Amino acid sequence: MQTPAFPILLFSACLVGLAVILLVLGNLFTPKRPNPVKQMPYESGMDPIHDTRRRFDVRFHLLAIAFLVFDVELLFLYPWAVAMRPAPAVGPVQTPPGAAAGAPAAASSGSGEAGGPLHPGAVPVRPVFLGGVIFLALLALGYVYDWRKGVFSWR
């Protein structure tokens, strides 16, 4: 009698069996010609000539931290760009209070400002844009600070 988990167990067993077979076949049929150059550790195409525990220059760490900070901060620009996109009209358009129901809306881009229609779920553009500009200004300020401290000059 089959259980509901039988296909999953069969699939898992096939995966493990295939992995073992491929590892054994690879080990049997690969050429084995060891020499001192092949036994040497390899790091990005450079021969290892120093001890692995040597100290790095502090400027390397400063540059790495600056890269991480700017990289993570740039990830926050994606939601900002999505929030700046006009929301699609889903269902009836809501008219702002005080506007006539049958009257055409003023020339507006659907931002919800000054009499324009506000789609359900739309975010008004002005606060989102202002928040993004403040964020970019702080990012630029951090970049100028790092530049003045000499983080980007290596030697």
C-alpha atoms as a PDB file:
ATOM      1  CA  MET A   1       0.000   0.000   0.000  1.00  0.00           C
ATOM      2  CA  GLN A   2       1.406   3.412  -0.989  1.00  0.00           C
ATOM      3  CA  THR A   3       1.572   6.296   1.421  1.00  0.00           C
ATOM      4  CA  PRO A   4       1.233   9.927   0.285  1.00  0.00           C
ATOM      5  CA  ALA A   5       4.945  10.466   1.025  1.00  0.00           C
ATOM      6  CA  PHE A   6       6.084   7.568  -1.180  1.00  0.00           C
ATOM      7  CA  PRO A   7       6.752   9.698  -4.322  1.00  0.00           C
ATOM      8  CA  ILE A   8       8.820  12.141  -2.266  1.00  0.00           C
ATOM      9  CA  LEU A   9      10.854   9.328  -0.710  1.00  0.00           C
ATOM     10  CA  LEU A  10      11.366   7.709  -4.131  1.00  0.00           C
ATOM     11  CA  PHE A  11      12.498  11.027  -5.619  1.00  0.00           C
ATOM     12  CA  SER A  12      14.905  11.626  -2.699  1.00  0.00           C
ATOM     13  CA  ALA A  13      16.353   8.120  -3.064  1.00  0.00           C
ATOM     14  CA  CYS A  14      16.885   8.669  -6.802  1.00  0.00           C
ATOM     15  CA  LEU A  15      18.642  11.986  -6.102  1.00  0.00           C
ATOM     16  CA  VAL A  16      20.993  10.466  -3.545  1.00  0.00           C
ATOM     17  CA  GLY A  17      21.693   7.490  -5.810  1.00  0.00           C
ATOM     18  CA  LEU A  18      22.445   9.726  -8.794  1.00  0.00           C
ATOM     19  CA  ALA A  19      24.782  11.904  -6.708  1.00  0.00           C
ATOM     20  CA  VAL A  20      26.702   8.864  -5.453  1.00  0.00           C
ATOM     21  CA  ILE A  21      26.952   7.364  -8.957  1.00  0.00           C
ATOM     22  CA  LEU A  22      28.231  10.642 -10.448  1.00  0.00           C
ATOM     23  CA  LEU A  23      30.842  11.074  -7.707  1.00  0.00           C
ATOM     24  CA  VAL A  24      32.106   7.513  -8.126  1.00  0.00           C
ATOM     25  CA  LEU A  25      32.244   7.793 -11.935  1.00  0.00           C
ATOM     26  CA  GLY A  26      34.066  11.119 -11.710  1.00  0.00           C
ATOM     27  CA  ASN A  27      36.606   9.657  -9.301  1.00  0.00           C
ATOM     28  CA  LEU A  28      37.184   6.587 -11.488  1.00  0.00           C
ATOM     29  CA  PHE A  29      37.604   8.304 -14.858  1.00  0.00           C
ATOM     30  CA  THR A  30      39.477  11.519 -14.065  1.00  0.00           C
ATOM     31  CA  PRO A  31      43.189  11.633 -14.904  1.00  0.00           C
ATOM     32  CA  LYS A  32      45.457  11.546 -11.896  1.00  0.00           C
ATOM     33  CA  ARG A  33      48.817  13.216 -12.554  1.00  0.00           C
ATOM     34  CA  PRO A  34      49.753  15.009  -9.336  1.00  0.00           C
ATOM     35  CA  ASN A  35      52.746  17.333  -9.338  1.00  0.00           C
ATOM     36  CA  PRO A  36      54.016  20.028  -6.950  1.00  0.00           C
ATOM     37  CA  VAL A  37      52.375  22.878  -8.902  1.00  0.00           C
ATOM     38  CA  LYS A  38      48.952  21.207  -8.765  1.00  0.00           C
ATOM     39  CA  GLN A  39      49.325  20.534  -5.042  1.00  0.00           C
ATOM     40  CA  MET A  40      50.064  24.215  -4.292  1.00  0.00           C
ATOM     41  CA  PRO A  41      47.237  26.381  -2.902  1.00  0.00           C
ATOM     42  CA  TYR A  42      45.683  28.719  -5.458  1.00  0.00           C
ATOM     43  CA  GLU A  43      44.169  32.138  -4.825  1.00  0.00           C
ATOM     44  CA  SER A  44      42.892  34.286  -7.693  1.00  0.00           C
ATOM     45  CA  GLY A  45      45.745  33.429 -10.025  1.00  0.00           C
ATOM     46  CA  MET A  46      48.465  34.604  -7.642  1.00  0.00           C
ATOM     47  CA  ASP A  47      51.128  32.432  -6.101  1.00  0.00           C
ATOM     48  CA  PRO A  48      50.922  32.341  -2.311  1.00  0.00           C
ATOM     49  CA  ILE A  49      54.144  33.942  -1.103  1.00  0.00           C
ATOM     50  CA  HIS A  50      53.184  35.159   2.372  1.00  0.00           C
ATOM     51  CA  ASP A  51      51.804  33.655   5.504  1.00  0.00           C
ATOM     52  CA  THR A  52      48.014  33.437   5.491  1.00  0.00           C
ATOM     53  CA  ARG A  53      47.796  35.230   8.819  1.00  0.00           C
ATOM     54  CA  ARG A  54      49.483  38.464   7.746  1.00  0.00           C
ATOM     55  CA  ARG A  55      47.757  41.746   8.573  1.00  0.00           C
ATOM     56  CA  PHE A  56      45.871  43.734   5.975  1.00  0.00           C
ATOM     57  CA  ASP A  57      46.137  47.480   5.671  1.00  0.00           C
ATOM     58  CA  VAL A  58      43.314  49.255   7.505  1.00  0.00           C
ATOM     59  CA  ARG A  59      42.442  51.122   4.287  1.00  0.00           C
ATOM     60  CA  PHE A  60      41.325  47.818   2.783  1.00  0.00           C
ATOM     61  CA  HIS A  61      38.795  47.379   5.590  1.00  0.00           C
ATOM     62  CA  LEU A  62      37.594  50.984   5.279  1.00  0.00           C
ATOM     63  CA  LEU A  63      37.015  50.529   1.563  1.00  0.00           C
ATOM     64  CA  ALA A  64      35.223  47.219   2.147  1.00  0.00           C
ATOM     65  CA  ILE A  65      32.915  48.768   4.756  1.00  0.00           C
ATOM     66  CA  ALA A  66      32.198  51.757   2.485  1.00  0.00           C
ATOM     67  CA  PHE A  67      31.337  49.364  -0.338  1.00  0.00           C
ATOM     68  CA  LEU A  68      28.956  47.402   1.870  1.00  0.00           C
ATOM     69  CA  VAL A  69      27.263  50.546   3.170  1.00  0.00           C
ATOM     70  CA  PHE A  70      26.682  51.968  -0.316  1.00  0.00           C
ATOM     71  CA  ASP A  71      25.639  48.580  -1.673  1.00  0.00           C
ATOM     72  CA  VAL A  72      23.026  48.039   1.025  1.00  0.00           C
ATOM     73  CA  GLU A  73      21.779  51.619   0.773  1.00  0.00           C
ATOM     74  CA  LEU A  74      21.285  51.259  -2.966  1.00  0.00           C
ATOM     75  CA  LEU A  75      18.966  48.330  -2.284  1.00  0.00           C
ATOM     76  CA  PHE A  76      16.552  50.808  -0.718  1.00  0.00           C
ATOM     77  CA  LEU A  77      16.219  52.615  -4.050  1.00  0.00           C
ATOM     78  CA  TYR A  78      14.250  49.728  -5.563  1.00  0.00           C
ATOM     79  CA  PRO A  79      11.189  50.138  -3.309  1.00  0.00           C
ATOM     80  CA  TRP A  80      11.399  53.896  -3.882  1.00  0.00           C
ATOM     81  CA  ALA A  81      11.331  53.407  -7.643  1.00  0.00           C
ATOM     82  CA  VAL A  82       8.350  51.047  -7.318  1.00  0.00           C
ATOM     83  CA  ALA A  83       6.519  53.515  -5.078  1.00  0.00           C
ATOM     84  CA  MET A  84       7.130  56.304  -7.604  1.00  0.00           C
ATOM     85  CA  ARG A  85       5.424  54.313 -10.354  1.00  0.00           C
ATOM     86  CA  PRO A  86       1.777  55.302 -10.765  1.00  0.00           C
ATOM     87  CA  ALA A  87      -0.599  52.715  -9.384  1.00  0.00           C
ATOM     88  CA  PRO A  88      -2.804  50.935 -11.918  1.00  0.00           C
ATOM     89  CA  ALA A  89      -6.478  51.760 -11.788  1.00  0.00           C
ATOM     90  CA  VAL A  90      -8.247  48.873 -10.085  1.00  0.00           C
ATOM     91  CA  GLY A  91     -11.973  49.293  -9.830  1.00  0.00           C
ATOM     92  CA  PRO A  92     -13.683  52.676  -9.725  1.00  0.00           C
ATOM     93  CA  VAL A  93     -11.523  55.761  -9.261  1.00  0.00           C
ATOM     94  CA  GLN A  94     -12.083  57.536  -5.958  1.00  0.00           C
ATOM     95  CA  THR A  95     -12.892  61.209  -6.280  1.00  0.00           C
ATOM     96  CA  PRO A  96     -11.521  63.530  -3.657  1.00  0.00           C
ATOM     97  CA  PRO A  97     -13.964  65.061  -1.183  1.00  0.00           C
ATOM     98  CA  GLY A  98     -15.583  68.224  -2.478  1.00  0.00           C
ATOM     99  CA  ALA A  99     -15.215  67.318  -6.179  1.00  0.00           C
ATOM    100  CA  ALA A 100     -18.271  66.704  -8.297  1.00  0.00           C
ATOM    101  CA  ALA A 101     -18.861  63.037  -8.985  1.00  0.00           C
ATOM    102  CA  GLY A 102     -19.515  63.489 -12.721  1.00  0.00           C
ATOM    103  CA  ALA A 103     -17.045  66.321 -13.347  1.00  0.00           C
ATOM    104  CA  PRO A 104     -13.751  65.464 -14.997  1.00  0.00           C
ATOM    105  CA  ALA A 105     -10.763  65.653 -12.725  1.00  0.00           C
ATOM    106  CA  ALA A 106      -8.190  68.398 -13.141  1.00  0.00           C
ATOM    107  CA  ALA A 107      -5.150  67.584 -15.255  1.00  0.00           C
ATOM    108  CA  SER A 108      -3.332  65.336 -12.886  1.00  0.00           C
ATOM    109  CA  SER A 109      -1.085  62.335 -13.115  1.00  0.00           C
ATOM    110  CA  GLY A 110      -3.084  60.340 -10.616  1.00  0.00           C
ATOM    111  CA  SER A 111      -0.919  61.416  -7.722  1.00  0.00           C
ATOM    112  CA  GLY A 112      -3.709  62.361  -5.358  1.00  0.00           C
ATOM    113  CA  GLU A 113      -2.646  65.986  -5.266  1.00  0.00           C
ATOM    114  CA  ALA A 114      -5.027  68.912  -5.477  1.00  0.00           C
ATOM    115  CA  GLY A 115      -8.150  67.373  -6.911  1.00  0.00           C
ATOM    116  CA  GLY A 116      -6.660  64.545  -8.936  1.00  0.00           C
ATOM    117  CA  PRO A 117      -8.079  61.034  -8.703  1.00  0.00           C
ATOM    118  CA  LEU A 118      -6.458  58.755  -6.142  1.00  0.00           C
ATOM    119  CA  HIS A 119      -6.368  55.106  -7.099  1.00  0.00           C
ATOM    120  CA  PRO A 120      -6.844  52.530  -4.354  1.00  0.00           C
ATOM    121  CA  GLY A 121      -3.478  51.695  -2.807  1.00  0.00           C
ATOM    122  CA  ALA A 122      -1.692  54.619  -4.475  1.00  0.00           C
ATOM    123  CA  VAL A 123       0.873  56.552  -2.473  1.00  0.00           C
ATOM    124  CA  PRO A 124       0.945  60.329  -2.939  1.00  0.00           C
ATOM    125  CA  VAL A 125       4.058  61.244  -4.902  1.00  0.00           C
ATOM    126  CA  ARG A 126       5.213  64.236  -2.898  1.00  0.00           C
ATOM    127  CA  PRO A 127       6.092  62.456   0.436  1.00  0.00           C
ATOM    128  CA  VAL A 128       7.631  59.476  -1.360  1.00  0.00           C
ATOM    129  CA  PHE A 129       9.717  61.708  -3.626  1.00  0.00           C
ATOM    130  CA  LEU A 130      10.822  63.903  -0.730  1.00  0.00           C
ATOM    131  CA  GLY A 131      11.866  60.845   1.290  1.00  0.00           C
ATOM    132  CA  GLY A 132      13.878  59.530  -1.662  1.00  0.00           C
ATOM    133  CA  VAL A 133      15.603  62.867  -2.182  1.00  0.00           C
ATOM    134  CA  ILE A 134      16.547  63.039   1.514  1.00  0.00           C
ATOM    135  CA  PHE A 135      17.869  59.497   1.317  1.00  0.00           C
ATOM    136  CA  LEU A 136      19.980  60.291  -1.763  1.00  0.00           C
ATOM    137  CA  ALA A 137      21.287  63.473  -0.105  1.00  0.00           C
ATOM    138  CA  LEU A 138      22.414  61.483   2.943  1.00  0.00           C
ATOM    139  CA  LEU A 139      24.031  58.933   0.644  1.00  0.00           C
ATOM    140  CA  ALA A 140      25.906  61.704  -1.175  1.00  0.00           C
ATOM    141  CA  LEU A 141      26.942  63.204   2.169  1.00  0.00           C
ATOM    142  CA  GLY A 142      28.392  59.848   3.243  1.00  0.00           C
ATOM    143  CA  TYR A 143      30.226  59.574  -0.076  1.00  0.00           C
ATOM    144  CA  VAL A 144      31.752  63.052   0.354  1.00  0.00           C
ATOM    145  CA  TYR A 145      32.756  62.206   3.940  1.00  0.00           C
ATOM    146  CA  ASP A 146      34.499  59.012   2.798  1.00  0.00           C
ATOM    147  CA  TRP A 147      36.213  60.889  -0.026  1.00  0.00           C
ATOM    148  CA  ARG A 148      37.526  63.574   2.358  1.00  0.00           C
ATOM    149  CA  LYS A 149      38.790  60.939   4.790  1.00  0.00           C
ATOM    150  CA  GLY A 150      40.767  59.351   1.939  1.00  0.00           C
ATOM    151  CA  VAL A 151      38.998  56.005   1.941  1.00  0.00           C
ATOM    152  CA  PHE A 152      39.026  55.785  -1.861  1.00  0.00           C
ATOM    153  CA  SER A 153      42.717  56.645  -2.354  1.00  0.00           C
ATOM    154  CA  TRP A 154      44.621  53.407  -2.065  1.00  0.00           C
ATOM    155  CA  ARG A 155      48.266  54.507  -2.313  1.00  0.00           C
END
